[in-house]
PDB file of all heavy atoms in Angstrom:
ATOM      1  N   GLY A   1      17.790   7.587  12.151  1.00  0.00           N
ATOM      2  CA  GLY A   1      17.267   8.681  11.344  1.00  0.00           C
ATOM      3  C   GLY A   1      16.219   8.201  10.363  1.00  0.00           C
ATOM      4  O   GLY A   1      15.762   7.067  10.410  1.00  0.00           O
ATOM      5  N   ARG A   2      15.828   9.074   9.458  1.00  0.00           N
ATOM      6  CA  ARG A   2      14.794   8.753   8.477  1.00  0.00           C
ATOM      7  C   ARG A   2      15.381   7.955   7.319  1.00  0.00           C
ATOM      8  O   ARG A   2      16.421   8.290   6.793  1.00  0.00           O
ATOM      9  CB  ARG A   2      14.182  10.041   7.943  1.00  0.00           C
ATOM     10  CG  ARG A   2      13.523  10.852   9.007  1.00  0.00           C
ATOM     11  CD  ARG A   2      13.066  12.179   8.404  1.00  0.00           C
ATOM     12  NE  ARG A   2      12.737  13.090   9.472  1.00  0.00           N
ATOM     13  CZ  ARG A   2      13.491  14.098   9.851  1.00  0.00           C
ATOM     14  NH1 ARG A   2      14.618  14.362   9.245  1.00  0.00           N
ATOM     15  NH2 ARG A   2      13.118  14.880  10.833  1.00  0.00           N
ATOM     16  N   SER A   3      14.692   6.910   6.922  1.00  0.00           N
ATOM     17  CA  SER A   3      15.056   6.147   5.729  1.00  0.00           C
ATOM     18  C   SER A   3      13.869   5.268   5.354  1.00  0.00           C
ATOM     19  O   SER A   3      12.867   5.221   6.055  1.00  0.00           O
ATOM     20  CB  SER A   3      16.303   5.296   5.961  1.00  0.00           C
ATOM     21  OG  SER A   3      15.997   4.167   6.720  1.00  0.00           O
ATOM     22  N   VAL A   4      13.993   4.544   4.280  1.00  0.00           N
ATOM     23  CA  VAL A   4      12.916   3.671   3.831  1.00  0.00           C
ATOM     24  C   VAL A   4      12.851   2.408   4.689  1.00  0.00           C
ATOM     25  O   VAL A   4      11.790   1.861   4.928  1.00  0.00           O
ATOM     26  CB  VAL A   4      13.122   3.311   2.342  1.00  0.00           C
ATOM     27  CG1 VAL A   4      12.073   2.341   1.875  1.00  0.00           C
ATOM     28  CG2 VAL A   4      13.103   4.572   1.495  1.00  0.00           C
ATOM     29  N   ASP A   5      13.986   1.927   5.152  1.00  0.00           N
ATOM     30  CA  ASP A   5      14.045   0.691   5.933  1.00  0.00           C
ATOM     31  C   ASP A   5      13.396   0.881   7.297  1.00  0.00           C
ATOM     32  O   ASP A   5      13.264   1.977   7.799  1.00  0.00           O
ATOM     33  CB  ASP A   5      15.499   0.269   6.148  1.00  0.00           C
ATOM     34  CG  ASP A   5      16.205  -0.050   4.852  1.00  0.00           C
ATOM     35  OD1 ASP A   5      15.513  -0.403   3.882  1.00  0.00           O
ATOM     36  OD2 ASP A   5      17.441   0.078   4.811  1.00  0.00           O
ATOM     37  N   LEU A   6      13.044  -0.249   7.911  1.00  0.00           N
ATOM     38  CA  LEU A   6      12.513  -0.228   9.267  1.00  0.00           C
ATOM     39  C   LEU A   6      13.648  -0.066  10.261  1.00  0.00           C
ATOM     40  O   LEU A   6      14.770  -0.508  10.023  1.00  0.00           O
ATOM     41  CB  LEU A   6      11.785  -1.536   9.573  1.00  0.00           C
ATOM     42  CG  LEU A   6      10.502  -1.819   8.816  1.00  0.00           C
ATOM     43  CD1 LEU A   6      10.001  -3.214   9.174  1.00  0.00           C
ATOM     44  CD2 LEU A   6       9.456  -0.781   9.095  1.00  0.00           C
ATOM     45  N   GLY A   7      13.335   0.530  11.404  1.00  0.00           N
ATOM     46  CA  GLY A   7      14.280   0.554  12.506  1.00  0.00           C
ATOM     47  C   GLY A   7      14.420  -0.850  13.072  1.00  0.00           C
ATOM     48  O   GLY A   7      13.629  -1.747  12.765  1.00  0.00           O
ATOM     49  N   SER A   8      15.395  -1.064  13.913  1.00  0.00           N
ATOM     50  CA  SER A   8      15.676  -2.425  14.391  1.00  0.00           C
ATOM     51  C   SER A   8      14.536  -3.016  15.212  1.00  0.00           C
ATOM     52  O   SER A   8      14.214  -4.197  15.054  1.00  0.00           O
ATOM     53  CB  SER A   8      16.976  -2.457  15.182  1.00  0.00           C
ATOM     54  OG  SER A   8      16.875  -1.661  16.343  1.00  0.00           O
ATOM     55  N   VAL A   9      13.905  -2.234  16.089  1.00  0.00           N
ATOM     56  CA  VAL A   9      12.818  -2.770  16.906  1.00  0.00           C
ATOM     57  C   VAL A   9      11.636  -3.134  16.018  1.00  0.00           C
ATOM     58  O   VAL A   9      11.082  -4.233  16.112  1.00  0.00           O
ATOM     59  CB  VAL A   9      12.407  -1.776  18.012  1.00  0.00           C
ATOM     60  CG1 VAL A   9      11.162  -2.255  18.740  1.00  0.00           C
ATOM     61  CG2 VAL A   9      13.554  -1.566  18.992  1.00  0.00           C
ATOM     62  N   ALA A  10      11.241  -2.222  15.131  1.00  0.00           N
ATOM     63  CA  ALA A  10      10.130  -2.502  14.223  1.00  0.00           C
ATOM     64  C   ALA A  10      10.436  -3.713  13.350  1.00  0.00           C
ATOM     65  O   ALA A  10       9.585  -4.585  13.152  1.00  0.00           O
ATOM     66  CB  ALA A  10       9.825  -1.275  13.361  1.00  0.00           C
ATOM     67  N   ASP A  11      11.650  -3.795  12.847  1.00  0.00           N
ATOM     68  CA  ASP A  11      12.042  -4.912  11.996  1.00  0.00           C
ATOM     69  C   ASP A  11      11.937  -6.243  12.748  1.00  0.00           C
ATOM     70  O   ASP A  11      11.374  -7.213  12.240  1.00  0.00           O
ATOM     71  CB  ASP A  11      13.462  -4.700  11.469  1.00  0.00           C
ATOM     72  CG  ASP A  11      13.897  -5.801  10.519  1.00  0.00           C
ATOM     73  OD1 ASP A  11      13.228  -5.975   9.477  1.00  0.00           O
ATOM     74  OD2 ASP A  11      14.890  -6.491  10.823  1.00  0.00           O
ATOM     75  N   HIS A  12      12.481  -6.301  13.954  1.00  0.00           N
ATOM     76  CA  HIS A  12      12.407  -7.525  14.752  1.00  0.00           C
ATOM     77  C   HIS A  12      10.956  -7.903  15.036  1.00  0.00           C
ATOM     78  O   HIS A  12      10.598  -9.082  14.989  1.00  0.00           O
ATOM     79  CB  HIS A  12      13.165  -7.361  16.074  1.00  0.00           C
ATOM     80  CG  HIS A  12      14.628  -7.579  15.968  1.00  0.00           C
ATOM     81  ND1 HIS A  12      15.515  -6.553  15.741  1.00  0.00           N
ATOM     82  CD2 HIS A  12      15.365  -8.705  16.046  1.00  0.00           C
ATOM     83  CE1 HIS A  12      16.740  -7.041  15.696  1.00  0.00           C
ATOM     84  NE2 HIS A  12      16.682  -8.336  15.870  1.00  0.00           N
ATOM     85  N   LEU A  13      10.124  -6.916  15.353  1.00  0.00           N
ATOM     86  CA  LEU A  13       8.715  -7.211  15.638  1.00  0.00           C
ATOM     87  C   LEU A  13       7.994  -7.737  14.413  1.00  0.00           C
ATOM     88  O   LEU A  13       7.251  -8.721  14.491  1.00  0.00           O
ATOM     89  CB  LEU A  13       8.003  -5.967  16.173  1.00  0.00           C
ATOM     90  CG  LEU A  13       8.234  -5.663  17.642  1.00  0.00           C
ATOM     91  CD1 LEU A  13       7.736  -4.261  17.977  1.00  0.00           C
ATOM     92  CD2 LEU A  13       7.567  -6.697  18.524  1.00  0.00           C
ATOM     93  N   VAL A  14       8.179  -7.067  13.275  1.00  0.00           N
ATOM     94  CA  VAL A  14       7.505  -7.495  12.052  1.00  0.00           C
ATOM     95  C   VAL A  14       7.896  -8.924  11.703  1.00  0.00           C
ATOM     96  O   VAL A  14       7.065  -9.725  11.279  1.00  0.00           O
ATOM     97  CB  VAL A  14       7.814  -6.520  10.890  1.00  0.00           C
ATOM     98  CG1 VAL A  14       7.424  -7.102   9.546  1.00  0.00           C
ATOM     99  CG2 VAL A  14       7.120  -5.189  11.124  1.00  0.00           C
ATOM    100  N   ARG A  15       9.151  -9.255  11.913  1.00  0.00           N
ATOM    101  CA  ARG A  15       9.635 -10.595  11.548  1.00  0.00           C
ATOM    102  C   ARG A  15       9.293 -11.670  12.580  1.00  0.00           C
ATOM    103  O   ARG A  15       9.163 -12.839  12.232  1.00  0.00           O
ATOM    104  CB  ARG A  15      11.146 -10.567  11.347  1.00  0.00           C
ATOM    105  CG  ARG A  15      11.568  -9.748  10.154  1.00  0.00           C
ATOM    106  CD  ARG A  15      13.095  -9.637  10.098  1.00  0.00           C
ATOM    107  NE  ARG A  15      13.532  -8.717   9.086  1.00  0.00           N
ATOM    108  CZ  ARG A  15      13.705  -9.020   7.814  1.00  0.00           C
ATOM    109  NH1 ARG A  15      13.466 -10.248   7.390  1.00  0.00           N
ATOM    110  NH2 ARG A  15      14.117  -8.115   6.964  1.00  0.00           N
ATOM    111  N   GLY A  16       9.152 -11.276  13.856  1.00  0.00           N
ATOM    112  CA  GLY A  16       9.048 -12.328  14.857  1.00  0.00           C
ATOM    113  C   GLY A  16       7.899 -12.270  15.841  1.00  0.00           C
ATOM    114  O   GLY A  16       7.750 -13.193  16.640  1.00  0.00           O
ATOM    115  N   ALA A  17       7.085 -11.225  15.816  1.00  0.00           N
ATOM    116  CA  ALA A  17       5.996 -11.131  16.794  1.00  0.00           C
ATOM    117  C   ALA A  17       4.936 -12.200  16.537  1.00  0.00           C
ATOM    118  O   ALA A  17       4.747 -12.655  15.411  1.00  0.00           O
ATOM    119  CB  ALA A  17       5.365  -9.746  16.748  1.00  0.00           C
ATOM    120  N   ASN A  18       4.257 -12.554  17.589  1.00  0.00           N
ATOM    121  CA  ASN A  18       3.217 -13.579  17.511  1.00  0.00           C
ATOM    122  C   ASN A  18       1.833 -13.013  17.208  1.00  0.00           C
ATOM    123  O   ASN A  18       0.840 -13.694  17.412  1.00  0.00           O
ATOM    124  CB  ASN A  18       3.166 -14.364  18.829  1.00  0.00           C
ATOM    125  CG  ASN A  18       4.416 -15.182  19.019  1.00  0.00           C
ATOM    126  OD1 ASN A  18       4.863 -15.851  18.101  1.00  0.00           O
ATOM    127  ND2 ASN A  18       4.995 -15.100  20.193  1.00  0.00           N
ATOM    128  N   ARG A  19       1.769 -11.777  16.752  1.00  0.00           N
ATOM    129  CA  ARG A  19       0.519 -11.118  16.383  1.00  0.00           C
ATOM    130  C   ARG A  19       0.830 -10.048  15.367  1.00  0.00           C
ATOM    131  O   ARG A  19       2.000  -9.720  15.163  1.00  0.00           O
ATOM    132  CB  ARG A  19      -0.172 -10.526  17.605  1.00  0.00           C
ATOM    133  CG  ARG A  19       0.643  -9.487  18.309  1.00  0.00           C
ATOM    134  CD  ARG A  19       0.408  -9.333  19.777  1.00  0.00           C
ATOM    135  NE  ARG A  19      -0.294 -10.353  20.487  1.00  0.00           N
ATOM    136  CZ  ARG A  19       0.256 -11.455  21.026  1.00  0.00           C
ATOM    137  NH1 ARG A  19       1.541 -11.649  20.932  1.00  0.00           N
ATOM    138  NH2 ARG A  19      -0.457 -12.340  21.657  1.00  0.00           N
ATOM    139  N   PRO A  20      -0.173  -9.480  14.725  1.00  0.00           N
ATOM    140  CA  PRO A  20       0.083  -8.438  13.727  1.00  0.00           C
ATOM    141  C   PRO A  20       0.787  -7.217  14.338  1.00  0.00           C
ATOM    142  O   PRO A  20       0.551  -6.864  15.490  1.00  0.00           O
ATOM    143  CB  PRO A  20      -1.312  -8.050  13.235  1.00  0.00           C
ATOM    144  CG  PRO A  20      -2.170  -9.222  13.542  1.00  0.00           C
ATOM    145  CD  PRO A  20      -1.596  -9.827  14.799  1.00  0.00           C
ATOM    146  N   VAL A  21       1.637  -6.613  13.525  1.00  0.00           N
ATOM    147  CA  VAL A  21       2.366  -5.410  13.920  1.00  0.00           C
ATOM    148  C   VAL A  21       2.071  -4.320  12.902  1.00  0.00           C
ATOM    149  O   VAL A  21       2.215  -4.539  11.696  1.00  0.00           O
ATOM    150  CB  VAL A  21       3.893  -5.676  13.978  1.00  0.00           C
ATOM    151  CG1 VAL A  21       4.658  -4.394  14.301  1.00  0.00           C
ATOM    152  CG2 VAL A  21       4.208  -6.766  14.983  1.00  0.00           C
ATOM    153  N   LEU A  22       1.649  -3.172  13.403  1.00  0.00           N
ATOM    154  CA  LEU A  22       1.429  -2.000  12.563  1.00  0.00           C
ATOM    155  C   LEU A  22       2.586  -1.041  12.793  1.00  0.00           C
ATOM    156  O   LEU A  22       2.813  -0.610  13.920  1.00  0.00           O
ATOM    157  CB  LEU A  22       0.106  -1.328  12.927  1.00  0.00           C
ATOM    158  CG  LEU A  22      -0.192   0.016  12.258  1.00  0.00           C
ATOM    159  CD1 LEU A  22      -0.307  -0.142  10.742  1.00  0.00           C
ATOM    160  CD2 LEU A  22      -1.460   0.619  12.840  1.00  0.00           C
ATOM    161  N   THR A  23       3.350  -0.759  11.736  1.00  0.00           N
ATOM    162  CA  THR A  23       4.419   0.230  11.848  1.00  0.00           C
ATOM    163  C   THR A  23       3.895   1.526  11.259  1.00  0.00           C
ATOM    164  O   THR A  23       3.284   1.541  10.196  1.00  0.00           O
ATOM    165  CB  THR A  23       5.705  -0.199  11.118  1.00  0.00           C
ATOM    166  OG1 THR A  23       5.447  -0.342   9.729  1.00  0.00           O
ATOM    167  CG2 THR A  23       6.248  -1.493  11.703  1.00  0.00           C
ATOM    168  N   VAL A  24       4.122   2.613  11.974  1.00  0.00           N
ATOM    169  CA  VAL A  24       3.591   3.914  11.591  1.00  0.00           C
ATOM    170  C   VAL A  24       4.736   4.817  11.164  1.00  0.00           C
ATOM    171  O   VAL A  24       5.659   5.069  11.938  1.00  0.00           O
ATOM    172  CB  VAL A  24       2.815   4.554  12.771  1.00  0.00           C
ATOM    173  CG1 VAL A  24       2.278   5.919  12.388  1.00  0.00           C
ATOM    174  CG2 VAL A  24       1.683   3.633  13.222  1.00  0.00           C
ATOM    175  N   ALA A  25       4.655   5.276   9.917  1.00  0.00           N
ATOM    176  CA  ALA A  25       5.678   6.177   9.392  1.00  0.00           C
ATOM    177  C   ALA A  25       5.478   7.573   9.957  1.00  0.00           C
ATOM    178  O   ALA A  25       4.351   7.996  10.233  1.00  0.00           O
ATOM    179  CB  ALA A  25       5.610   6.211   7.869  1.00  0.00           C
ATOM    180  N   CYS A  26       6.566   8.279  10.111  1.00  0.00           N
ATOM    181  CA  CYS A  26       6.505   9.644  10.617  1.00  0.00           C
ATOM    182  C   CYS A  26       7.701  10.404  10.069  1.00  0.00           C
ATOM    183  O   CYS A  26       8.832   9.937  10.167  1.00  0.00           O
ATOM    184  CB  CYS A  26       6.541   9.640  12.141  1.00  0.00           C
ATOM    185  SG  CYS A  26       6.504  11.276  12.890  1.00  0.00           S
ATOM    186  N   ASP A  27       7.446  11.553   9.495  1.00  0.00           N
ATOM    187  CA  ASP A  27       8.536  12.426   9.064  1.00  0.00           C
ATOM    188  C   ASP A  27       8.909  13.290  10.262  1.00  0.00           C
ATOM    189  O   ASP A  27       8.668  14.484  10.294  1.00  0.00           O
ATOM    190  CB  ASP A  27       8.094  13.278   7.873  1.00  0.00           C
ATOM    191  CG  ASP A  27       9.246  14.030   7.251  1.00  0.00           C
ATOM    192  OD1 ASP A  27      10.399  13.624   7.438  1.00  0.00           O
ATOM    193  OD2 ASP A  27       8.985  15.045   6.582  1.00  0.00           O
ATOM    194  N   CYS A  28       9.456  12.628  11.261  1.00  0.00           N
ATOM    195  CA  CYS A  28       9.701  13.248  12.572  1.00  0.00           C
ATOM    196  C   CYS A  28      11.175  13.369  12.866  1.00  0.00           C
ATOM    197  O   CYS A  28      11.998  12.671  12.295  1.00  0.00           O
ATOM    198  CB  CYS A  28       9.096  12.394  13.685  1.00  0.00           C
ATOM    199  SG  CYS A  28       7.364  12.039  13.540  1.00  0.00           S
ATOM    200  N   ASP A  29      11.466  14.212  13.835  1.00  0.00           N
ATOM    201  CA  ASP A  29      12.801  14.327  14.382  1.00  0.00           C
ATOM    202  C   ASP A  29      13.051  13.069  15.216  1.00  0.00           C
ATOM    203  O   ASP A  29      12.255  12.744  16.091  1.00  0.00           O
ATOM    204  CB  ASP A  29      12.872  15.571  15.257  1.00  0.00           C
ATOM    205  CG  ASP A  29      14.234  15.805  15.880  1.00  0.00           C
ATOM    206  OD1 ASP A  29      15.114  14.928  15.781  1.00  0.00           O
ATOM    207  OD2 ASP A  29      14.398  16.870  16.477  1.00  0.00           O
ATOM    208  N   PRO A  30      14.123  12.305  14.958  1.00  0.00           N
ATOM    209  CA  PRO A  30      14.368  11.069  15.702  1.00  0.00           C
ATOM    210  C   PRO A  30      14.859  11.271  17.127  1.00  0.00           C
ATOM    211  O   PRO A  30      15.026  10.315  17.858  1.00  0.00           O
ATOM    212  CB  PRO A  30      15.422  10.357  14.846  1.00  0.00           C
ATOM    213  CG  PRO A  30      16.135  11.442  14.158  1.00  0.00           C
ATOM    214  CD  PRO A  30      15.115  12.527  13.909  1.00  0.00           C
ATOM    215  N   THR A  31      15.096  12.513  17.562  1.00  0.00           N
ATOM    216  CA  THR A  31      15.587  12.777  18.897  1.00  0.00           C
ATOM    217  C   THR A  31      14.493  12.481  19.918  1.00  0.00           C
ATOM    218  O   THR A  31      13.359  12.903  19.753  1.00  0.00           O
ATOM    219  CB  THR A  31      16.005  14.257  19.044  1.00  0.00           C
ATOM    220  OG1 THR A  31      16.917  14.572  18.016  1.00  0.00           O
ATOM    221  CG2 THR A  31      16.635  14.514  20.404  1.00  0.00           C
ATOM    222  N   PRO A  32      14.815  11.747  21.011  1.00  0.00           N
ATOM    223  CA  PRO A  32      13.796  11.486  22.032  1.00  0.00           C
ATOM    224  C   PRO A  32      13.257  12.806  22.586  1.00  0.00           C
ATOM    225  O   PRO A  32      14.011  13.740  22.831  1.00  0.00           O
ATOM    226  CB  PRO A  32      14.553  10.730  23.101  1.00  0.00           C
ATOM    227  CG  PRO A  32      15.740  10.160  22.433  1.00  0.00           C
ATOM    228  CD  PRO A  32      16.088  11.134  21.329  1.00  0.00           C
ATOM    229  N   LEU A  33      11.946  12.880  22.783  1.00  0.00           N
ATOM    230  CA  LEU A  33      11.312  14.094  23.284  1.00  0.00           C
ATOM    231  C   LEU A  33      11.822  14.474  24.650  1.00  0.00           C
ATOM    232  O   LEU A  33      11.977  15.640  24.967  1.00  0.00           O
ATOM    233  CB  LEU A  33       9.797  13.912  23.329  1.00  0.00           C
ATOM    234  CG  LEU A  33       9.103  13.739  21.990  1.00  0.00           C
ATOM    235  CD1 LEU A  33       7.628  13.427  22.190  1.00  0.00           C
ATOM    236  CD2 LEU A  33       9.267  14.986  21.136  1.00  0.00           C
ATOM    237  N   ARG A  34      12.112  13.483  25.498  1.00  0.00           N
ATOM    238  CA  ARG A  34      12.534  13.794  26.876  1.00  0.00           C
ATOM    239  C   ARG A  34      13.937  14.402  26.924  1.00  0.00           C
ATOM    240  O   ARG A  34      14.325  14.956  27.923  1.00  0.00           O
ATOM    241  CB  ARG A  34      12.448  12.561  27.761  1.00  0.00           C
ATOM    242  CG  ARG A  34      13.438  11.496  27.412  1.00  0.00           C
ATOM    243  CD  ARG A  34      13.317  10.340  28.361  1.00  0.00           C
ATOM    244  NE  ARG A  34      14.301   9.356  27.973  1.00  0.00           N
ATOM    245  CZ  ARG A  34      14.476   8.233  28.561  1.00  0.00           C
ATOM    246  NH1 ARG A  34      13.744   7.938  29.593  1.00  0.00           N
ATOM    247  NH2 ARG A  34      15.389   7.382  28.139  1.00  0.00           N
ATOM    248  N   SER A  35      14.731  14.290  25.849  1.00  0.00           N
ATOM    249  CA  SER A  35      16.072  14.856  25.868  1.00  0.00           C
ATOM    250  C   SER A  35      16.142  16.232  25.231  1.00  0.00           C
ATOM    251  O   SER A  35      17.189  16.844  25.196  1.00  0.00           O
ATOM    252  CB  SER A  35      17.059  13.909  25.185  1.00  0.00           C
ATOM    253  OG  SER A  35      16.797  13.859  23.800  1.00  0.00           O
TER     254      SER A  35
END
């Protein structure tokens, strides 16, 4: 859901990716669109 913290995938990428990571905030419904 929505919170100030990063989600797990974004958090792992920001901490460990070998290139810059841009995380994009969205006041969105967290439900997958396909469901």
